[in-house]
Amino acid sequence: MAAEHPIGDGNGHAPVEEVVPAATEQVHLPGPSYLPVVVAAGVTLAVVGVVISFFVLALGLIITVVGIVRWVRETREDMAELPLEH
């Protein structure tokens, strides 16, 4: 009794592999950024500031707003460098 192999059609022929054409689009990934961590820290300070004091709340809100503005600016600059086809 012959052993069956998962590859082939049983007649000694290997399956035909399809040739996949190369991708025509390039995938763009943004560079690393510390700004999401800054925004998260600002939101955390703001939430803690609701309980502790107005000063901590204000500091957290300022850090959050500045972090979001810089993050949006960085993203817009990154998108401006993309080719027009994107």
PDB file of N, CA and C in Angstrom:
ATOM      1  N   MET A   1       0.853  -1.173   0.000  1.00  0.00           N
ATOM      2  CA  MET A   1       0.000   0.000   0.000  1.00  0.00           C
ATOM      3  C   MET A   1       0.896   1.233   0.000  1.00  0.00           C
ATOM      4  N   ALA A   2       0.672   2.120  -0.939  1.00  0.00           N
ATOM      5  CA  ALA A   2       1.495   3.318  -1.080  1.00  0.00           C
ATOM      6  C   ALA A   2       0.996   4.408  -0.144  1.00  0.00           C
ATOM      7  N   ALA A   3       1.934   5.159   0.376  1.00  0.00           N
ATOM      8  CA  ALA A   3       1.574   6.273   1.257  1.00  0.00           C
ATOM      9  C   ALA A   3       1.096   7.449   0.415  1.00  0.00           C
ATOM     10  N   GLU A   4       0.066   8.116   0.911  1.00  0.00           N
ATOM     11  CA  GLU A   4      -0.451   9.281   0.189  1.00  0.00           C
ATOM     12  C   GLU A   4       0.274  10.528   0.666  1.00  0.00           C
ATOM     13  N   HIS A   5       0.572  11.402  -0.273  1.00  0.00           N
ATOM     14  CA  HIS A   5       1.230  12.655   0.044  1.00  0.00           C
ATOM     15  C   HIS A   5       0.245  13.796  -0.170  1.00  0.00           C
ATOM     16  N   PRO A   6       0.276  14.793   0.688  1.00  0.00           N
ATOM     17  CA  PRO A   6      -0.677  15.900   0.550  1.00  0.00           C
ATOM     18  C   PRO A   6      -0.409  16.773  -0.676  1.00  0.00           C
ATOM     19  N   ILE A   7       0.787  16.658  -1.281  1.00  0.00           N
ATOM     20  CA  ILE A   7       1.115  17.491  -2.435  1.00  0.00           C
ATOM     21  C   ILE A   7       1.030  16.626  -3.681  1.00  0.00           C
ATOM     22  N   GLY A   8       0.405  17.149  -4.712  1.00  0.00           N
ATOM     23  CA  GLY A   8       0.318  16.433  -5.976  1.00  0.00           C
ATOM     24  C   GLY A   8      -1.068  15.852  -6.185  1.00  0.00           C
ATOM     25  N   ASP A   9      -1.265  15.290  -7.387  1.00  0.00           N
ATOM     26  CA  ASP A   9      -2.570  14.746  -7.735  1.00  0.00           C
ATOM     27  C   ASP A   9      -2.626  13.224  -7.629  1.00  0.00           C
ATOM     28  N   GLY A  10      -1.594  12.616  -7.098  1.00  0.00           N
ATOM     29  CA  GLY A  10      -1.564  11.177  -6.954  1.00  0.00           C
ATOM     30  C   GLY A  10      -0.937  10.469  -8.137  1.00  0.00           C
ATOM     31  N   ASN A  11      -0.699  11.168  -9.233  1.00  0.00           N
ATOM     32  CA  ASN A  11      -0.085  10.589 -10.420  1.00  0.00           C
ATOM     33  C   ASN A  11       1.357  11.048 -10.589  1.00  0.00           C
ATOM     34  N   GLY A  12       1.932  11.589  -9.558  1.00  0.00           N
ATOM     35  CA  GLY A  12       3.311  12.048  -9.643  1.00  0.00           C
ATOM     36  C   GLY A  12       3.456  13.454 -10.183  1.00  0.00           C
ATOM     37  N   HIS A  13       2.345  14.155 -10.361  1.00  0.00           N
ATOM     38  CA  HIS A  13       2.393  15.524 -10.877  1.00  0.00           C
ATOM     39  C   HIS A  13       2.221  16.511  -9.727  1.00  0.00           C
ATOM     40  N   ALA A  14       3.090  17.488  -9.686  1.00  0.00           N
ATOM     41  CA  ALA A  14       2.981  18.526  -8.662  1.00  0.00           C
ATOM     42  C   ALA A  14       1.907  19.521  -9.084  1.00  0.00           C
ATOM     43  N   PRO A  15       1.234  20.137  -8.120  1.00  0.00           N
ATOM     44  CA  PRO A  15       0.222  21.137  -8.481  1.00  0.00           C
ATOM     45  C   PRO A  15       0.866  22.341  -9.168  1.00  0.00           C
ATOM     46  N   VAL A  16       0.112  22.947 -10.062  1.00  0.00           N
ATOM     47  CA  VAL A  16       0.597  24.123 -10.784  1.00  0.00           C
ATOM     48  C   VAL A  16       0.388  25.339  -9.898  1.00  0.00           C
ATOM     49  N   GLU A  17       1.442  26.108  -9.709  1.00  0.00           N
ATOM     50  CA  GLU A  17       1.335  27.315  -8.902  1.00  0.00           C
ATOM     51  C   GLU A  17       1.002  28.496  -9.788  1.00  0.00           C
ATOM     52  N   GLU A  18       0.112  29.335  -9.299  1.00  0.00           N
ATOM     53  CA  GLU A  18      -0.244  30.536 -10.045  1.00  0.00           C
ATOM     54  C   GLU A  18       0.851  31.573  -9.884  1.00  0.00           C
ATOM     55  N   VAL A  19       1.109  32.290 -10.954  1.00  0.00           N
ATOM     56  CA  VAL A  19       2.078  33.380 -10.901  1.00  0.00           C
ATOM     57  C   VAL A  19       1.313  34.641 -10.529  1.00  0.00           C
ATOM     58  N   VAL A  20       1.680  35.223  -9.425  1.00  0.00           N
ATOM     59  CA  VAL A  20       1.014  36.431  -8.945  1.00  0.00           C
ATOM     60  C   VAL A  20       1.795  37.636  -9.440  1.00  0.00           C
ATOM     61  N   PRO A  21       1.109  38.568 -10.118  1.00  0.00           N
ATOM     62  CA  PRO A  21       1.835  39.752 -10.601  1.00  0.00           C
ATOM     63  C   PRO A  21       2.305  40.622  -9.437  1.00  0.00           C
ATOM     64  N   ALA A  22       3.361  41.347  -9.680  1.00  0.00           N
ATOM     65  CA  ALA A  22       3.904  42.240  -8.647  1.00  0.00           C
ATOM     66  C   ALA A  22       2.910  43.357  -8.352  1.00  0.00           C
ATOM     67  N   ALA A  23       2.893  43.782  -7.128  1.00  0.00           N
ATOM     68  CA  ALA A  23       1.993  44.865  -6.729  1.00  0.00           C
ATOM     69  C   ALA A  23       2.408  46.160  -7.408  1.00  0.00           C
ATOM     70  N   THR A  24       1.408  46.891  -7.883  1.00  0.00           N
ATOM     71  CA  THR A  24       1.706  48.157  -8.547  1.00  0.00           C
ATOM     72  C   THR A  24       1.646  49.327  -7.581  1.00  0.00           C
ATOM     73  N   GLU A  25       0.988  49.142  -6.459  1.00  0.00           N
ATOM     74  CA  GLU A  25       0.886  50.222  -5.479  1.00  0.00           C
ATOM     75  C   GLU A  25       1.945  50.045  -4.397  1.00  0.00           C
ATOM     76  N   GLN A  26       2.426  51.162  -3.916  1.00  0.00           N
ATOM     77  CA  GLN A  26       3.362  51.126  -2.805  1.00  0.00           C
ATOM     78  C   GLN A  26       2.593  51.389  -1.520  1.00  0.00           C
ATOM     79  N   VAL A  27       2.952  50.674  -0.489  1.00  0.00           N
ATOM     80  CA  VAL A  27       2.318  50.866   0.806  1.00  0.00           C
ATOM     81  C   VAL A  27       3.126  51.898   1.575  1.00  0.00           C
ATOM     82  N   HIS A  28       2.432  52.902   2.092  1.00  0.00           N
ATOM     83  CA  HIS A  28       3.110  53.949   2.857  1.00  0.00           C
ATOM     84  C   HIS A  28       2.789  53.765   4.330  1.00  0.00           C
ATOM     85  N   LEU A  29       3.815  53.671   5.134  1.00  0.00           N
ATOM     86  CA  LEU A  29       3.649  53.593   6.578  1.00  0.00           C
ATOM     87  C   LEU A  29       4.268  54.830   7.204  1.00  0.00           C
ATOM     88  N   PRO A  30       3.572  55.449   8.147  1.00  0.00           N
ATOM     89  CA  PRO A  30       4.149  56.627   8.790  1.00  0.00           C
ATOM     90  C   PRO A  30       5.351  56.248   9.640  1.00  0.00           C
ATOM     91  N   GLY A  31       6.218  57.203   9.836  1.00  0.00           N
ATOM     92  CA  GLY A  31       7.397  56.976  10.654  1.00  0.00           C
ATOM     93  C   GLY A  31       7.028  56.905  12.127  1.00  0.00           C
ATOM     94  N   PRO A  32       7.952  56.469  12.958  1.00  0.00           N
ATOM     95  CA  PRO A  32       7.670  56.395  14.390  1.00  0.00           C
ATOM     96  C   PRO A  32       7.474  57.790  14.979  1.00  0.00           C
ATOM     97  N   SER A  33       6.609  57.873  15.963  1.00  0.00           N
ATOM     98  CA  SER A  33       6.310  59.161  16.577  1.00  0.00           C
ATOM     99  C   SER A  33       6.069  58.962  18.070  1.00  0.00           C
ATOM    100  N   TYR A  34       6.521  59.925  18.841  1.00  0.00           N
ATOM    101  CA  TYR A  34       6.293  59.902  20.282  1.00  0.00           C
ATOM    102  C   TYR A  34       4.999  60.632  20.648  1.00  0.00           C
ATOM    103  N   LEU A  35       4.373  61.299  19.686  1.00  0.00           N
ATOM    104  CA  LEU A  35       3.220  62.146  19.979  1.00  0.00           C
ATOM    105  C   LEU A  35       1.991  61.391  20.500  1.00  0.00           C
ATOM    106  N   PRO A  36       1.693  60.170  20.070  1.00  0.00           N
ATOM    107  CA  PRO A  36       0.564  59.464  20.697  1.00  0.00           C
ATOM    108  C   PRO A  36       0.762  59.259  22.199  1.00  0.00           C
ATOM    109  N   VAL A  37       1.990  59.042  22.621  1.00  0.00           N
ATOM    110  CA  VAL A  37       2.269  58.872  24.050  1.00  0.00           C
ATOM    111  C   VAL A  37       2.074  60.200  24.778  1.00  0.00           C
ATOM    112  N   VAL A  38       2.466  61.306  24.145  1.00  0.00           N
ATOM    113  CA  VAL A  38       2.287  62.633  24.748  1.00  0.00           C
ATOM    114  C   VAL A  38       0.800  62.931  24.920  1.00  0.00           C
ATOM    115  N   VAL A  39       0.008  62.638  23.888  1.00  0.00           N
ATOM    116  CA  VAL A  39      -1.436  62.878  23.975  1.00  0.00           C
ATOM    117  C   VAL A  39      -2.050  61.999  25.065  1.00  0.00           C
ATOM    118  N   ALA A  40      -1.638  60.745  25.140  1.00  0.00           N
ATOM    119  CA  ALA A  40      -2.162  59.850  26.177  1.00  0.00           C
ATOM    120  C   ALA A  40      -1.796  60.344  27.575  1.00  0.00           C
ATOM    121  N   ALA A  41      -0.577  60.844  27.739  1.00  0.00           N
ATOM    122  CA  ALA A  41      -0.167  61.383  29.042  1.00  0.00           C
ATOM    123  C   ALA A  41      -0.977  62.629  29.384  1.00  0.00           C
ATOM    124  N   GLY A  42      -1.227  63.474  28.391  1.00  0.00           N
ATOM    125  CA  GLY A  42      -2.030  64.672  28.634  1.00  0.00           C
ATOM    126  C   GLY A  42      -3.452  64.342  29.034  1.00  0.00           C
ATOM    127  N   VAL A  43      -4.056  63.378  28.355  1.00  0.00           N
ATOM    128  CA  VAL A  43      -5.419  62.967  28.710  1.00  0.00           C
ATOM    129  C   VAL A  43      -5.441  62.368  30.111  1.00  0.00           C
ATOM    130  N   THR A  44      -4.431  61.580  30.435  1.00  0.00           N
ATOM    131  CA  THR A  44      -4.354  60.986  31.773  1.00  0.00           C
ATOM    132  C   THR A  44      -4.244  62.063  32.841  1.00  0.00           C
ATOM    133  N   LEU A  45      -3.380  63.047  32.597  1.00  0.00           N
ATOM    134  CA  LEU A  45      -3.260  64.157  33.562  1.00  0.00           C
ATOM    135  C   LEU A  45      -4.570  64.916  33.699  1.00  0.00           C
ATOM    136  N   ALA A  46      -5.262  65.133  32.585  1.00  0.00           N
ATOM    137  CA  ALA A  46      -6.528  65.861  32.642  1.00  0.00           C
ATOM    138  C   ALA A  46      -7.567  65.093  33.456  1.00  0.00           C
ATOM    139  N   VAL A  47      -7.638  63.794  33.267  1.00  0.00           N
ATOM    140  CA  VAL A  47      -8.605  62.990  34.022  1.00  0.00           C
ATOM    141  C   VAL A  47      -8.248  62.970  35.505  1.00  0.00           C
ATOM    142  N   VAL A  48      -6.967  62.822  35.811  1.00  0.00           N
ATOM    143  CA  VAL A  48      -6.544  62.860  37.215  1.00  0.00           C
ATOM    144  C   VAL A  48      -6.786  64.252  37.792  1.00  0.00           C
ATOM    145  N   GLY A  49      -6.597  65.274  36.969  1.00  0.00           N
ATOM    146  CA  GLY A  49      -6.813  66.646  37.417  1.00  0.00           C
ATOM    147  C   GLY A  49      -8.250  66.943  37.783  1.00  0.00           C
ATOM    148  N   VAL A  50      -9.198  66.223  37.196  1.00  0.00           N
ATOM    149  CA  VAL A  50     -10.605  66.405  37.568  1.00  0.00           C
ATOM    150  C   VAL A  50     -10.795  66.071  39.046  1.00  0.00           C
ATOM    151  N   VAL A  51     -10.049  65.102  39.527  1.00  0.00           N
ATOM    152  CA  VAL A  51     -10.181  64.674  40.919  1.00  0.00           C
ATOM    153  C   VAL A  51      -9.270  65.475  41.840  1.00  0.00           C
ATOM    154  N   ILE A  52      -8.038  65.771  41.379  1.00  0.00           N
ATOM    155  CA  ILE A  52      -7.041  66.372  42.263  1.00  0.00           C
ATOM    156  C   ILE A  52      -7.165  67.892  42.332  1.00  0.00           C
ATOM    157  N   SER A  53      -6.904  68.570  41.206  1.00  0.00           N
ATOM    158  CA  SER A  53      -6.938  70.033  41.251  1.00  0.00           C
ATOM    159  C   SER A  53      -7.105  70.608  39.853  1.00  0.00           C
ATOM    160  N   PHE A  54      -7.526  71.853  39.828  1.00  0.00           N
ATOM    161  CA  PHE A  54      -7.723  72.553  38.567  1.00  0.00           C
ATOM    162  C   PHE A  54      -6.397  72.738  37.831  1.00  0.00           C
ATOM    163  N   PHE A  55      -5.310  72.953  38.575  1.00  0.00           N
ATOM    164  CA  PHE A  55      -3.995  73.144  37.950  1.00  0.00           C
ATOM    165  C   PHE A  55      -3.567  71.911  37.154  1.00  0.00           C
ATOM    166  N   VAL A  56      -3.741  70.727  37.724  1.00  0.00           N
ATOM    167  CA  VAL A  56      -3.373  69.485  37.031  1.00  0.00           C
ATOM    168  C   VAL A  56      -4.283  69.272  35.824  1.00  0.00           C
ATOM    169  N   LEU A  57      -5.563  69.605  35.968  1.00  0.00           N
ATOM    170  CA  LEU A  57      -6.499  69.514  34.848  1.00  0.00           C
ATOM    171  C   LEU A  57      -6.063  70.423  33.706  1.00  0.00           C
ATOM    172  N   ALA A  58      -5.739  71.680  34.031  1.00  0.00           N
ATOM    173  CA  ALA A  58      -5.315  72.636  33.001  1.00  0.00           C
ATOM    174  C   ALA A  58      -4.018  72.185  32.334  1.00  0.00           C
ATOM    175  N   LEU A  59      -3.071  71.702  33.118  1.00  0.00           N
ATOM    176  CA  LEU A  59      -1.810  71.218  32.557  1.00  0.00           C
ATOM    177  C   LEU A  59      -2.053  70.038  31.610  1.00  0.00           C
ATOM    178  N   GLY A  60      -2.908  69.122  32.013  1.00  0.00           N
ATOM    179  CA  GLY A  60      -3.238  67.974  31.165  1.00  0.00           C
ATOM    180  C   GLY A  60      -3.914  68.392  29.873  1.00  0.00           C
ATOM    181  N   LEU A  61      -4.821  69.363  29.944  1.00  0.00           N
ATOM    182  CA  LEU A  61      -5.500  69.840  28.736  1.00  0.00           C
ATOM    183  C   LEU A  61      -4.532  70.545  27.793  1.00  0.00           C
ATOM    184  N   ILE A  62      -3.617  71.326  28.356  1.00  0.00           N
ATOM    185  CA  ILE A  62      -2.625  72.020  27.517  1.00  0.00           C
ATOM    186  C   ILE A  62      -1.728  71.000  26.810  1.00  0.00           C
ATOM    187  N   ILE A  63      -1.250  70.017  27.555  1.00  0.00           N
ATOM    188  CA  ILE A  63      -0.397  68.985  26.950  1.00  0.00           C
ATOM    189  C   ILE A  63      -1.164  68.227  25.867  1.00  0.00           C
ATOM    190  N   THR A  64      -2.425  67.922  26.125  1.00  0.00           N
ATOM    191  CA  THR A  64      -3.239  67.202  25.144  1.00  0.00           C
ATOM    192  C   THR A  64      -3.420  68.011  23.872  1.00  0.00           C
ATOM    193  N   VAL A  65      -3.790  69.274  24.002  1.00  0.00           N
ATOM    194  CA  VAL A  65      -4.033  70.116  22.824  1.00  0.00           C
ATOM    195  C   VAL A  65      -2.747  70.322  22.027  1.00  0.00           C
ATOM    196  N   VAL A  66      -1.654  70.622  22.715  1.00  0.00           N
ATOM    197  CA  VAL A  66      -0.376  70.818  22.014  1.00  0.00           C
ATOM    198  C   VAL A  66       0.045  69.523  21.313  1.00  0.00           C
ATOM    199  N   GLY A  67      -0.121  68.387  21.969  1.00  0.00           N
ATOM    200  CA  GLY A  67       0.230  67.105  21.362  1.00  0.00           C
ATOM    201  C   GLY A  67      -0.606  66.798  20.132  1.00  0.00           C
ATOM    202  N   ILE A  68      -1.906  67.076  20.198  1.00  0.00           N
ATOM    203  CA  ILE A  68      -2.779  66.825  19.046  1.00  0.00           C
ATOM    204  C   ILE A  68      -2.424  67.738  17.890  1.00  0.00           C
ATOM    205  N   VAL A  69      -2.178  69.022  18.174  1.00  0.00           N
ATOM    206  CA  VAL A  69      -1.826  69.970  17.105  1.00  0.00           C
ATOM    207  C   VAL A  69      -0.526  69.538  16.425  1.00  0.00           C
ATOM    208  N   ARG A  70       0.477  69.179  17.206  1.00  0.00           N
ATOM    209  CA  ARG A  70       1.758  68.748  16.610  1.00  0.00           C
ATOM    210  C   ARG A  70       1.602  67.437  15.847  1.00  0.00           C
ATOM    211  N   TRP A  71       0.771  66.531  16.350  1.00  0.00           N
ATOM    212  CA  TRP A  71       0.537  65.253  15.693  1.00  0.00           C
ATOM    213  C   TRP A  71      -0.147  65.455  14.336  1.00  0.00           C
ATOM    214  N   VAL A  72      -1.154  66.324  14.299  1.00  0.00           N
ATOM    215  CA  VAL A  72      -1.845  66.626  13.038  1.00  0.00           C
ATOM    216  C   VAL A  72      -0.889  67.298  12.060  1.00  0.00           C
ATOM    217  N   ARG A  73      -0.088  68.234  12.545  1.00  0.00           N
ATOM    218  CA  ARG A  73       0.876  68.915  11.677  1.00  0.00           C
ATOM    219  C   ARG A  73       1.882  67.916  11.098  1.00  0.00           C
ATOM    220  N   GLU A  74       2.391  67.026  11.938  1.00  0.00           N
ATOM    221  CA  GLU A  74       3.346  66.015  11.478  1.00  0.00           C
ATOM    222  C   GLU A  74       2.705  65.090  10.435  1.00  0.00           C
ATOM    223  N   THR A  75       1.448  64.727  10.659  1.00  0.00           N
ATOM    224  CA  THR A  75       0.749  63.850   9.716  1.00  0.00           C
ATOM    225  C   THR A  75       0.514  64.551   8.388  1.00  0.00           C
ATOM    226  N   ARG A  76       0.133  65.820   8.422  1.00  0.00           N
ATOM    227  CA  ARG A  76      -0.070  66.573   7.177  1.00  0.00           C
ATOM    228  C   ARG A  76       1.226  66.702   6.392  1.00  0.00           C
ATOM    229  N   GLU A  77       2.334  66.957   7.072  1.00  0.00           N
ATOM    230  CA  GLU A  77       3.626  67.048   6.382  1.00  0.00           C
ATOM    231  C   GLU A  77       3.995  65.704   5.761  1.00  0.00           C
ATOM    232  N   ASP A  78       3.707  64.634   6.478  1.00  0.00           N
ATOM    233  CA  ASP A  78       4.002  63.299   5.965  1.00  0.00           C
ATOM    234  C   ASP A  78       3.145  62.986   4.741  1.00  0.00           C
ATOM    235  N   MET A  79       1.881  63.383   4.765  1.00  0.00           N
ATOM    236  CA  MET A  79       0.986  63.141   3.634  1.00  0.00           C
ATOM    237  C   MET A  79       1.348  64.001   2.435  1.00  0.00           C
ATOM    238  N   ALA A  80       1.901  65.179   2.672  1.00  0.00           N
ATOM    239  CA  ALA A  80       2.281  66.064   1.568  1.00  0.00           C
ATOM    240  C   ALA A  80       3.444  65.485   0.769  1.00  0.00           C
ATOM    241  N   GLU A  81       4.236  64.618   1.382  1.00  0.00           N
ATOM    242  CA  GLU A  81       5.374  64.009   0.702  1.00  0.00           C
ATOM    243  C   GLU A  81       4.977  62.822  -0.171  1.00  0.00           C
ATOM    244  N   LEU A  82       3.722  62.374  -0.073  1.00  0.00           N
ATOM    245  CA  LEU A  82       3.279  61.231  -0.867  1.00  0.00           C
ATOM    246  C   LEU A  82       3.126  61.618  -2.331  1.00  0.00           C
ATOM    247  N   PRO A  83       3.261  60.657  -3.239  1.00  0.00           N
ATOM    248  CA  PRO A  83       3.001  60.951  -4.650  1.00  0.00           C
ATOM    249  C   PRO A  83       1.528  61.316  -4.851  1.00  0.00           C
ATOM    250  N   LEU A  84       1.231  62.032  -5.920  1.00  0.00           N
ATOM    251  CA  LEU A  84      -0.128  62.497  -6.160  1.00  0.00           C
ATOM    252  C   LEU A  84      -1.111  61.361  -6.410  1.00  0.00           C
ATOM    253  N   GLU A  85      -0.652  60.188  -6.818  1.00  0.00           N
ATOM    254  CA  GLU A  85      -1.550  59.078  -7.105  1.00  0.00           C
ATOM    255  C   GLU A  85      -2.232  58.540  -5.859  1.00  0.00           C
ATOM    256  N   HIS A  86      -1.680  58.797  -4.677  1.00  0.00           N
ATOM    257  CA  HIS A  86      -2.267  58.264  -3.447  1.00  0.00           C
ATOM    258  C   HIS A  86      -3.483  59.023  -3.092  1.00  0.00           C
TER     259      HIS A  86
END
